[in-house]
Amino acid sequence: MDLTVTDNLFEGRYEAHIDGEVVGVVEYELTEDLMILIHTEVDQTYQDQGIGGVLARWTLDDARRRGLKVRVVCPYMRGWLERHPNYADMVG
């Protein structure tokens, strides 16, 4: 599986792609110093293959690189962060 993740700035979401097809997204809103994580969704065909986790890690790593804190509205991202305490410093 050749998975890539891109930041679709115009749609306000990170997109996971397999063979050019969008198979998962993390929707967000940006403020000056905060990324609000709104919703995560993976296409039903690709669920339970780790795509949500890849999206979560990519999203948070990108927010960290940009010097942003995150506010988590999305239940999936909240649960993922609870299992990965090394990102706890980003929650604001």
PDB file of N, CA and C in Angstrom:
ATOM      1  N   MET A   1       0.852  -1.174   0.000  1.00  0.00           N
ATOM      2  CA  MET A   1       0.000   0.000   0.000  1.00  0.00           C
ATOM      3  C   MET A   1       0.896   1.234   0.000  1.00  0.00           C
ATOM      4  N   ASP A   2       0.742   2.063  -1.027  1.00  0.00           N
ATOM      5  CA  ASP A   2       1.535   3.286  -1.166  1.00  0.00           C
ATOM      6  C   ASP A   2       0.693   4.458  -0.681  1.00  0.00           C
ATOM      7  N   LEU A   3       0.855   4.814   0.599  1.00  0.00           N
ATOM      8  CA  LEU A   3       0.062   5.859   1.234  1.00  0.00           C
ATOM      9  C   LEU A   3       0.848   7.155   1.285  1.00  0.00           C
ATOM     10  N   THR A   4       0.218   8.239   0.841  1.00  0.00           N
ATOM     11  CA  THR A   4       0.815   9.564   0.960  1.00  0.00           C
ATOM     12  C   THR A   4      -0.185  10.472   1.670  1.00  0.00           C
ATOM     13  N   VAL A   5       0.323  11.487   2.349  1.00  0.00           N
ATOM     14  CA  VAL A   5      -0.522  12.459   3.036  1.00  0.00           C
ATOM     15  C   VAL A   5      -0.152  13.844   2.531  1.00  0.00           C
ATOM     16  N   THR A   6      -1.173  14.631   2.237  1.00  0.00           N
ATOM     17  CA  THR A   6      -0.968  15.999   1.782  1.00  0.00           C
ATOM     18  C   THR A   6      -1.849  16.936   2.604  1.00  0.00           C
ATOM     19  N   ASP A   7      -1.460  18.205   2.631  1.00  0.00           N
ATOM     20  CA  ASP A   7      -2.239  19.235   3.303  1.00  0.00           C
ATOM     21  C   ASP A   7      -3.004  20.001   2.238  1.00  0.00           C
ATOM     22  N   ASN A   8      -4.316  19.847   2.217  1.00  0.00           N
ATOM     23  CA  ASN A   8      -5.161  20.563   1.279  1.00  0.00           C
ATOM     24  C   ASN A   8      -5.595  21.863   1.956  1.00  0.00           C
ATOM     25  N   LEU A   9      -4.796  22.901   1.779  1.00  0.00           N
ATOM     26  CA  LEU A   9      -5.029  24.183   2.447  1.00  0.00           C
ATOM     27  C   LEU A   9      -6.375  24.802   2.083  1.00  0.00           C
ATOM     28  N   PHE A  10      -6.797  24.620   0.856  1.00  0.00           N
ATOM     29  CA  PHE A  10      -8.053  25.230   0.406  1.00  0.00           C
ATOM     30  C   PHE A  10      -9.271  24.590   1.051  1.00  0.00           C
ATOM     31  N   GLU A  11      -9.175  23.306   1.374  1.00  0.00           N
ATOM     32  CA  GLU A  11     -10.277  22.589   2.007  1.00  0.00           C
ATOM     33  C   GLU A  11     -10.128  22.542   3.527  1.00  0.00           C
ATOM     34  N   GLY A  12      -8.962  22.922   4.038  1.00  0.00           N
ATOM     35  CA  GLY A  12      -8.709  22.862   5.479  1.00  0.00           C
ATOM     36  C   GLY A  12      -8.686  21.432   5.983  1.00  0.00           C
ATOM     37  N   ARG A  13      -7.918  20.592   5.286  1.00  0.00           N
ATOM     38  CA  ARG A  13      -7.848  19.195   5.713  1.00  0.00           C
ATOM     39  C   ARG A  13      -6.579  18.520   5.191  1.00  0.00           C
ATOM     40  N   TYR A  14      -6.110  17.574   5.982  1.00  0.00           N
ATOM     41  CA  TYR A  14      -5.046  16.686   5.544  1.00  0.00           C
ATOM     42  C   TYR A  14      -5.715  15.503   4.871  1.00  0.00           C
ATOM     43  N   GLU A  15      -5.125  15.046   3.768  1.00  0.00           N
ATOM     44  CA  GLU A  15      -5.725  13.956   3.003  1.00  0.00           C
ATOM     45  C   GLU A  15      -4.741  12.809   2.863  1.00  0.00           C
ATOM     46  N   ALA A  16      -5.230  11.599   3.123  1.00  0.00           N
ATOM     47  CA  ALA A  16      -4.451  10.388   2.875  1.00  0.00           C
ATOM     48  C   ALA A  16      -4.856   9.868   1.503  1.00  0.00           C
ATOM     49  N   HIS A  17      -3.854   9.568   0.679  1.00  0.00           N
ATOM     50  CA  HIS A  17      -4.096   9.100  -0.688  1.00  0.00           C
ATOM     51  C   HIS A  17      -3.473   7.721  -0.893  1.00  0.00           C
ATOM     52  N   ILE A  18      -4.198   6.875  -1.583  1.00  0.00           N
ATOM     53  CA  ILE A  18      -3.655   5.608  -2.073  1.00  0.00           C
ATOM     54  C   ILE A  18      -3.919   5.587  -3.569  1.00  0.00           C
ATOM     55  N   ASP A  19      -2.863   5.484  -4.346  1.00  0.00           N
ATOM     56  CA  ASP A  19      -2.967   5.491  -5.813  1.00  0.00           C
ATOM     57  C   ASP A  19      -3.798   6.670  -6.318  1.00  0.00           C
ATOM     58  N   GLY A  20      -3.592   7.846  -5.737  1.00  0.00           N
ATOM     59  CA  GLY A  20      -4.260   9.051  -6.174  1.00  0.00           C
ATOM     60  C   GLY A  20      -5.670   9.242  -5.646  1.00  0.00           C
ATOM     61  N   GLU A  21      -6.193   8.270  -4.934  1.00  0.00           N
ATOM     62  CA  GLU A  21      -7.551   8.340  -4.397  1.00  0.00           C
ATOM     63  C   GLU A  21      -7.508   8.784  -2.935  1.00  0.00           C
ATOM     64  N   VAL A  22      -8.360   9.742  -2.576  1.00  0.00           N
ATOM     65  CA  VAL A  22      -8.449  10.175  -1.178  1.00  0.00           C
ATOM     66  C   VAL A  22      -9.174   9.080  -0.398  1.00  0.00           C
ATOM     67  N   VAL A  23      -8.480   8.539   0.624  1.00  0.00           N
ATOM     68  CA  VAL A  23      -9.056   7.444   1.408  1.00  0.00           C
ATOM     69  C   VAL A  23      -9.269   7.826   2.866  1.00  0.00           C
ATOM     70  N   GLY A  24      -8.806   9.014   3.252  1.00  0.00           N
ATOM     71  CA  GLY A  24      -8.997   9.471   4.623  1.00  0.00           C
ATOM     72  C   GLY A  24      -8.678  10.951   4.739  1.00  0.00           C
ATOM     73  N   VAL A  25      -9.293  11.592   5.746  1.00  0.00           N
ATOM     74  CA  VAL A  25      -9.067  13.028   5.950  1.00  0.00           C
ATOM     75  C   VAL A  25      -9.065  13.368   7.434  1.00  0.00           C
ATOM     76  N   VAL A  26      -8.349  14.428   7.771  1.00  0.00           N
ATOM     77  CA  VAL A  26      -8.450  15.100   9.069  1.00  0.00           C
ATOM     78  C   VAL A  26      -8.806  16.541   8.747  1.00  0.00           C
ATOM     79  N   GLU A  27      -9.994  16.972   9.155  1.00  0.00           N
ATOM     80  CA  GLU A  27     -10.436  18.344   8.920  1.00  0.00           C
ATOM     81  C   GLU A  27      -9.972  19.224  10.073  1.00  0.00           C
ATOM     82  N   TYR A  28      -9.534  20.442   9.730  1.00  0.00           N
ATOM     83  CA  TYR A  28      -9.026  21.360  10.754  1.00  0.00           C
ATOM     84  C   TYR A  28      -9.380  22.799  10.418  1.00  0.00           C
ATOM     85  N   GLU A  29      -9.281  23.646  11.435  1.00  0.00           N
ATOM     86  CA  GLU A  29      -9.357  25.098  11.271  1.00  0.00           C
ATOM     87  C   GLU A  29      -8.106  25.675  11.910  1.00  0.00           C
ATOM     88  N   LEU A  30      -7.614  26.765  11.331  1.00  0.00           N
ATOM     89  CA  LEU A  30      -6.411  27.414  11.844  1.00  0.00           C
ATOM     90  C   LEU A  30      -6.721  28.794  12.400  1.00  0.00           C
ATOM     91  N   THR A  31      -6.060  29.107  13.494  1.00  0.00           N
ATOM     92  CA  THR A  31      -5.999  30.477  13.977  1.00  0.00           C
ATOM     93  C   THR A  31      -4.522  30.856  13.904  1.00  0.00           C
ATOM     94  N   GLU A  32      -4.175  31.973  14.480  1.00  0.00           N
ATOM     95  CA  GLU A  32      -2.784  32.430  14.408  1.00  0.00           C
ATOM     96  C   GLU A  32      -1.799  31.428  15.011  1.00  0.00           C
ATOM     97  N   ASP A  33      -2.158  30.825  16.132  1.00  0.00           N
ATOM     98  CA  ASP A  33      -1.223  29.922  16.819  1.00  0.00           C
ATOM     99  C   ASP A  33      -1.850  28.595  17.238  1.00  0.00           C
ATOM    100  N   LEU A  34      -3.009  28.255  16.646  1.00  0.00           N
ATOM    101  CA  LEU A  34      -3.756  27.082  17.075  1.00  0.00           C
ATOM    102  C   LEU A  34      -4.353  26.352  15.883  1.00  0.00           C
ATOM    103  N   MET A  35      -4.282  25.018  15.920  1.00  0.00           N
ATOM    104  CA  MET A  35      -4.947  24.185  14.933  1.00  0.00           C
ATOM    105  C   MET A  35      -6.068  23.442  15.667  1.00  0.00           C
ATOM    106  N   ILE A  36      -7.289  23.638  15.217  1.00  0.00           N
ATOM    107  CA  ILE A  36      -8.447  22.978  15.822  1.00  0.00           C
ATOM    108  C   ILE A  36      -8.758  21.747  14.985  1.00  0.00           C
ATOM    109  N   LEU A  37      -8.643  20.578  15.605  1.00  0.00           N
ATOM    110  CA  LEU A  37      -8.858  19.311  14.907  1.00  0.00           C
ATOM    111  C   LEU A  37     -10.323  18.929  15.047  1.00  0.00           C
ATOM    112  N   ILE A  38     -11.045  18.986  13.941  1.00  0.00           N
ATOM    113  CA  ILE A  38     -12.492  18.891  13.947  1.00  0.00           C
ATOM    114  C   ILE A  38     -13.007  17.475  13.711  1.00  0.00           C
ATOM    115  N   HIS A  39     -12.473  16.804  12.702  1.00  0.00           N
ATOM    116  CA  HIS A  39     -13.069  15.527  12.295  1.00  0.00           C
ATOM    117  C   HIS A  39     -12.030  14.679  11.573  1.00  0.00           C
ATOM    118  N   THR A  40     -12.050  13.393  11.854  1.00  0.00           N
ATOM    119  CA  THR A  40     -11.206  12.431  11.145  1.00  0.00           C
ATOM    120  C   THR A  40     -12.114  11.368  10.551  1.00  0.00           C
ATOM    121  N   GLU A  41     -11.835  11.018   9.306  1.00  0.00           N
ATOM    122  CA  GLU A  41     -12.647   9.988   8.647  1.00  0.00           C
ATOM    123  C   GLU A  41     -11.778   9.191   7.686  1.00  0.00           C
ATOM    124  N   VAL A  42     -11.965   7.876   7.704  1.00  0.00           N
ATOM    125  CA  VAL A  42     -11.282   6.980   6.770  1.00  0.00           C
ATOM    126  C   VAL A  42     -12.358   6.217   6.007  1.00  0.00           C
ATOM    127  N   ASP A  43     -12.189   6.134   4.696  1.00  0.00           N
ATOM    128  CA  ASP A  43     -13.122   5.396   3.854  1.00  0.00           C
ATOM    129  C   ASP A  43     -13.304   3.982   4.407  1.00  0.00           C
ATOM    130  N   GLN A  44     -14.536   3.537   4.425  1.00  0.00           N
ATOM    131  CA  GLN A  44     -14.871   2.240   5.022  1.00  0.00           C
ATOM    132  C   GLN A  44     -14.044   1.092   4.434  1.00  0.00           C
ATOM    133  N   THR A  45     -13.725   1.168   3.168  1.00  0.00           N
ATOM    134  CA  THR A  45     -12.929   0.128   2.507  1.00  0.00           C
ATOM    135  C   THR A  45     -11.536   0.009   3.111  1.00  0.00           C
ATOM    136  N   TYR A  46     -11.026   1.104   3.674  1.00  0.00           N
ATOM    137  CA  TYR A  46      -9.649   1.137   4.170  1.00  0.00           C
ATOM    138  C   TYR A  46      -9.547   1.195   5.689  1.00  0.00           C
ATOM    139  N   GLN A  47     -10.664   1.033   6.383  1.00  0.00           N
ATOM    140  CA  GLN A  47     -10.617   1.075   7.846  1.00  0.00           C
ATOM    141  C   GLN A  47      -9.848  -0.121   8.394  1.00  0.00           C
ATOM    142  N   ASP A  48      -9.311   0.040   9.598  1.00  0.00           N
ATOM    143  CA  ASP A  48      -8.535  -0.987  10.296  1.00  0.00           C
ATOM    144  C   ASP A  48      -7.242  -1.346   9.573  1.00  0.00           C
ATOM    145  N   GLN A  49      -6.702  -0.395   8.819  1.00  0.00           N
ATOM    146  CA  GLN A  49      -5.420  -0.599   8.147  1.00  0.00           C
ATOM    147  C   GLN A  49      -4.370   0.403   8.612  1.00  0.00           C
ATOM    148  N   GLY A  50      -4.681   1.148   9.682  1.00  0.00           N
ATOM    149  CA  GLY A  50      -3.718   2.084  10.249  1.00  0.00           C
ATOM    150  C   GLY A  50      -3.690   3.454   9.603  1.00  0.00           C
ATOM    151  N   ILE A  51      -4.603   3.718   8.684  1.00  0.00           N
ATOM    152  CA  ILE A  51      -4.596   5.000   7.976  1.00  0.00           C
ATOM    153  C   ILE A  51      -4.939   6.144   8.920  1.00  0.00           C
ATOM    154  N   GLY A  52      -5.884   5.959   9.812  1.00  0.00           N
ATOM    155  CA  GLY A  52      -6.229   6.994  10.779  1.00  0.00           C
ATOM    156  C   GLY A  52      -5.034   7.378  11.630  1.00  0.00           C
ATOM    157  N   GLY A  53      -4.262   6.387  12.060  1.00  0.00           N
ATOM    158  CA  GLY A  53      -3.067   6.648  12.861  1.00  0.00           C
ATOM    159  C   GLY A  53      -2.004   7.403  12.090  1.00  0.00           C
ATOM    160  N   VAL A  54      -1.822   7.043  10.828  1.00  0.00           N
ATOM    161  CA  VAL A  54      -0.855   7.758   9.985  1.00  0.00           C
ATOM    162  C   VAL A  54      -1.288   9.215   9.829  1.00  0.00           C
ATOM    163  N   LEU A  55      -2.576   9.423   9.587  1.00  0.00           N
ATOM    164  CA  LEU A  55      -3.087  10.789   9.462  1.00  0.00           C
ATOM    165  C   LEU A  55      -2.898  11.581  10.757  1.00  0.00           C
ATOM    166  N   ALA A  56      -3.192  10.953  11.882  1.00  0.00           N
ATOM    167  CA  ALA A  56      -3.048  11.623  13.178  1.00  0.00           C
ATOM    168  C   ALA A  56      -1.599  12.042  13.410  1.00  0.00           C
ATOM    169  N   ARG A  57      -0.683  11.124  13.216  1.00  0.00           N
ATOM    170  CA  ARG A  57       0.735  11.426  13.435  1.00  0.00           C
ATOM    171  C   ARG A  57       1.220  12.511  12.473  1.00  0.00           C
ATOM    172  N   TRP A  58       0.850  12.427  11.213  1.00  0.00           N
ATOM    173  CA  TRP A  58       1.276  13.396  10.215  1.00  0.00           C
ATOM    174  C   TRP A  58       0.732  14.777  10.563  1.00  0.00           C
ATOM    175  N   THR A  59      -0.545  14.832  10.956  1.00  0.00           N
ATOM    176  CA  THR A  59      -1.188  16.098  11.323  1.00  0.00           C
ATOM    177  C   THR A  59      -0.468  16.746  12.503  1.00  0.00           C
ATOM    178  N   LEU A  60      -0.239  15.972  13.544  1.00  0.00           N
ATOM    179  CA  LEU A  60       0.389  16.520  14.745  1.00  0.00           C
ATOM    180  C   LEU A  60       1.849  16.886  14.512  1.00  0.00           C
ATOM    181  N   ASP A  61       2.556  16.083  13.732  1.00  0.00           N
ATOM    182  CA  ASP A  61       3.944  16.428  13.412  1.00  0.00           C
ATOM    183  C   ASP A  61       4.005  17.726  12.610  1.00  0.00           C
ATOM    184  N   ASP A  62       3.059  17.903  11.691  1.00  0.00           N
ATOM    185  CA  ASP A  62       3.037  19.130  10.902  1.00  0.00           C
ATOM    186  C   ASP A  62       2.698  20.332  11.778  1.00  0.00           C
ATOM    187  N   ALA A  63       1.725  20.176  12.664  1.00  0.00           N
ATOM    188  CA  ALA A  63       1.378  21.270  13.586  1.00  0.00           C
ATOM    189  C   ALA A  63       2.588  21.636  14.453  1.00  0.00           C
ATOM    190  N   ARG A  64       3.308  20.636  14.932  1.00  0.00           N
ATOM    191  CA  ARG A  64       4.498  20.889  15.754  1.00  0.00           C
ATOM    192  C   ARG A  64       5.552  21.649  14.948  1.00  0.00           C
ATOM    193  N   ARG A  65       5.800  21.216  13.710  1.00  0.00           N
ATOM    194  CA  ARG A  65       6.778  21.900  12.843  1.00  0.00           C
ATOM    195  C   ARG A  65       6.408  23.362  12.644  1.00  0.00           C
ATOM    196  N   ARG A  66       5.112  23.640  12.617  1.00  0.00           N
ATOM    197  CA  ARG A  66       4.619  24.999  12.389  1.00  0.00           C
ATOM    198  C   ARG A  66       4.512  25.798  13.684  1.00  0.00           C
ATOM    199  N   GLY A  67       4.842  25.188  14.816  1.00  0.00           N
ATOM    200  CA  GLY A  67       4.802  25.882  16.095  1.00  0.00           C
ATOM    201  C   GLY A  67       3.392  26.119  16.612  1.00  0.00           C
ATOM    202  N   LEU A  68       2.452  25.251  16.229  1.00  0.00           N
ATOM    203  CA  LEU A  68       1.055  25.412  16.620  1.00  0.00           C
ATOM    204  C   LEU A  68       0.680  24.502  17.780  1.00  0.00           C
ATOM    205  N   LYS A  69      -0.189  24.979  18.642  1.00  0.00           N
ATOM    206  CA  LYS A  69      -0.860  24.133  19.630  1.00  0.00           C
ATOM    207  C   LYS A  69      -2.086  23.554  18.943  1.00  0.00           C
ATOM    208  N   VAL A  70      -2.677  22.515  19.534  1.00  0.00           N
ATOM    209  CA  VAL A  70      -3.891  21.934  18.967  1.00  0.00           C
ATOM    210  C   VAL A  70      -5.012  21.938  19.992  1.00  0.00           C
ATOM    211  N   ARG A  71      -6.212  22.152  19.496  1.00  0.00           N
ATOM    212  CA  ARG A  71      -7.429  21.973  20.288  1.00  0.00           C
ATOM    213  C   ARG A  71      -8.165  20.823  19.615  1.00  0.00           C
ATOM    214  N   VAL A  72      -8.505  19.810  20.395  1.00  0.00           N
ATOM    215  CA  VAL A  72      -9.056  18.588  19.825  1.00  0.00           C
ATOM    216  C   VAL A  72     -10.558  18.517  20.066  1.00  0.00           C
ATOM    217  N   VAL A  73     -11.317  18.573  18.983  1.00  0.00           N
ATOM    218  CA  VAL A  73     -12.759  18.405  19.007  1.00  0.00           C
ATOM    219  C   VAL A  73     -13.111  16.977  18.568  1.00  0.00           C
ATOM    220  N   CYS A  74     -12.324  16.436  17.686  1.00  0.00           N
ATOM    221  CA  CYS A  74     -12.552  15.117  17.084  1.00  0.00           C
ATOM    222  C   CYS A  74     -12.332  13.991  18.099  1.00  0.00           C
ATOM    223  N   PRO A  75     -13.322  13.127  18.300  1.00  0.00           N
ATOM    224  CA  PRO A  75     -13.167  12.012  19.245  1.00  0.00           C
ATOM    225  C   PRO A  75     -12.030  11.052  18.871  1.00  0.00           C
ATOM    226  N   TYR A  76     -11.853  10.793  17.581  1.00  0.00           N
ATOM    227  CA  TYR A  76     -10.769   9.889  17.179  1.00  0.00           C
ATOM    228  C   TYR A  76      -9.419  10.473  17.578  1.00  0.00           C
ATOM    229  N   MET A  77      -9.201  11.739  17.259  1.00  0.00           N
ATOM    230  CA  MET A  77      -7.917  12.368  17.584  1.00  0.00           C
ATOM    231  C   MET A  77      -7.711  12.444  19.093  1.00  0.00           C
ATOM    232  N   ARG A  78      -8.774  12.690  19.839  1.00  0.00           N
ATOM    233  CA  ARG A  78      -8.666  12.724  21.303  1.00  0.00           C
ATOM    234  C   ARG A  78      -8.174  11.368  21.822  1.00  0.00           C
ATOM    235  N   GLY A  79      -8.784  10.290  21.344  1.00  0.00           N
ATOM    236  CA  GLY A  79      -8.366   8.947  21.759  1.00  0.00           C
ATOM    237  C   GLY A  79      -6.946   8.632  21.330  1.00  0.00           C
ATOM    238  N   TRP A  80      -6.567   9.057  20.124  1.00  0.00           N
ATOM    239  CA  TRP A  80      -5.217   8.800  19.629  1.00  0.00           C
ATOM    240  C   TRP A  80      -4.197   9.524  20.508  1.00  0.00           C
ATOM    241  N   LEU A  81      -4.490  10.757  20.870  1.00  0.00           N
ATOM    242  CA  LEU A  81      -3.583  11.523  21.728  1.00  0.00           C
ATOM    243  C   LEU A  81      -3.446  10.891  23.109  1.00  0.00           C
ATOM    244  N   GLU A  82      -4.505  10.320  23.632  1.00  0.00           N
ATOM    245  CA  GLU A  82      -4.429   9.645  24.936  1.00  0.00           C
ATOM    246  C   GLU A  82      -3.483   8.450  24.881  1.00  0.00           C
ATOM    247  N   ARG A  83      -3.401   7.803  23.734  1.00  0.00           N
ATOM    248  CA  ARG A  83      -2.514   6.640  23.573  1.00  0.00           C
ATOM    249  C   ARG A  83      -1.087   7.035  23.181  1.00  0.00           C
ATOM    250  N   HIS A  84      -0.869   8.317  22.894  1.00  0.00           N
ATOM    251  CA  HIS A  84       0.446   8.807  22.466  1.00  0.00           C
ATOM    252  C   HIS A  84       0.807  10.057  23.262  1.00  0.00           C
ATOM    253  N   PRO A  85       1.186   9.875  24.519  1.00  0.00           N
ATOM    254  CA  PRO A  85       1.433  11.018  25.414  1.00  0.00           C
ATOM    255  C   PRO A  85       2.601  11.904  25.000  1.00  0.00           C
ATOM    256  N   ASN A  86       3.425  11.458  24.068  1.00  0.00           N
ATOM    257  CA  ASN A  86       4.531  12.295  23.620  1.00  0.00           C
ATOM    258  C   ASN A  86       4.051  13.523  22.837  1.00  0.00           C
ATOM    259  N   TYR A  87       2.758  13.601  22.549  1.00  0.00           N
ATOM    260  CA  TYR A  87       2.182  14.775  21.892  1.00  0.00           C
ATOM    261  C   TYR A  87       1.387  15.640  22.877  1.00  0.00           C
ATOM    262  N   ALA A  88       1.339  15.265  24.151  1.00  0.00           N
ATOM    263  CA  ALA A  88       0.510  15.964  25.143  1.00  0.00           C
ATOM    264  C   ALA A  88       0.896  17.442  25.275  1.00  0.00           C
ATOM    265  N   ASP A  89       2.145  17.780  25.054  1.00  0.00           N
ATOM    266  CA  ASP A  89       2.593  19.164  25.177  1.00  0.00           C
ATOM    267  C   ASP A  89       1.971  20.087  24.122  1.00  0.00           C
ATOM    268  N   MET A  90       1.367  19.515  23.105  1.00  0.00           N
ATOM    269  CA  MET A  90       0.813  20.320  22.019  1.00  0.00           C
ATOM    270  C   MET A  90      -0.626  20.749  22.294  1.00  0.00           C
ATOM    271  N   VAL A  91      -1.281  20.089  23.222  1.00  0.00           N
ATOM    272  CA  VAL A  91      -2.690  20.371  23.462  1.00  0.00           C
ATOM    273  C   VAL A  91      -2.811  21.680  24.238  1.00  0.00           C
ATOM    274  N   GLY A  92      -3.547  22.609  23.659  1.00  0.00           N
ATOM    275  CA  GLY A  92      -3.669  23.910  24.286  1.00  0.00           C
ATOM    276  C   GLY A  92      -5.093  24.359  24.451  1.00  0.00           C
TER     277      GLY A  92
END
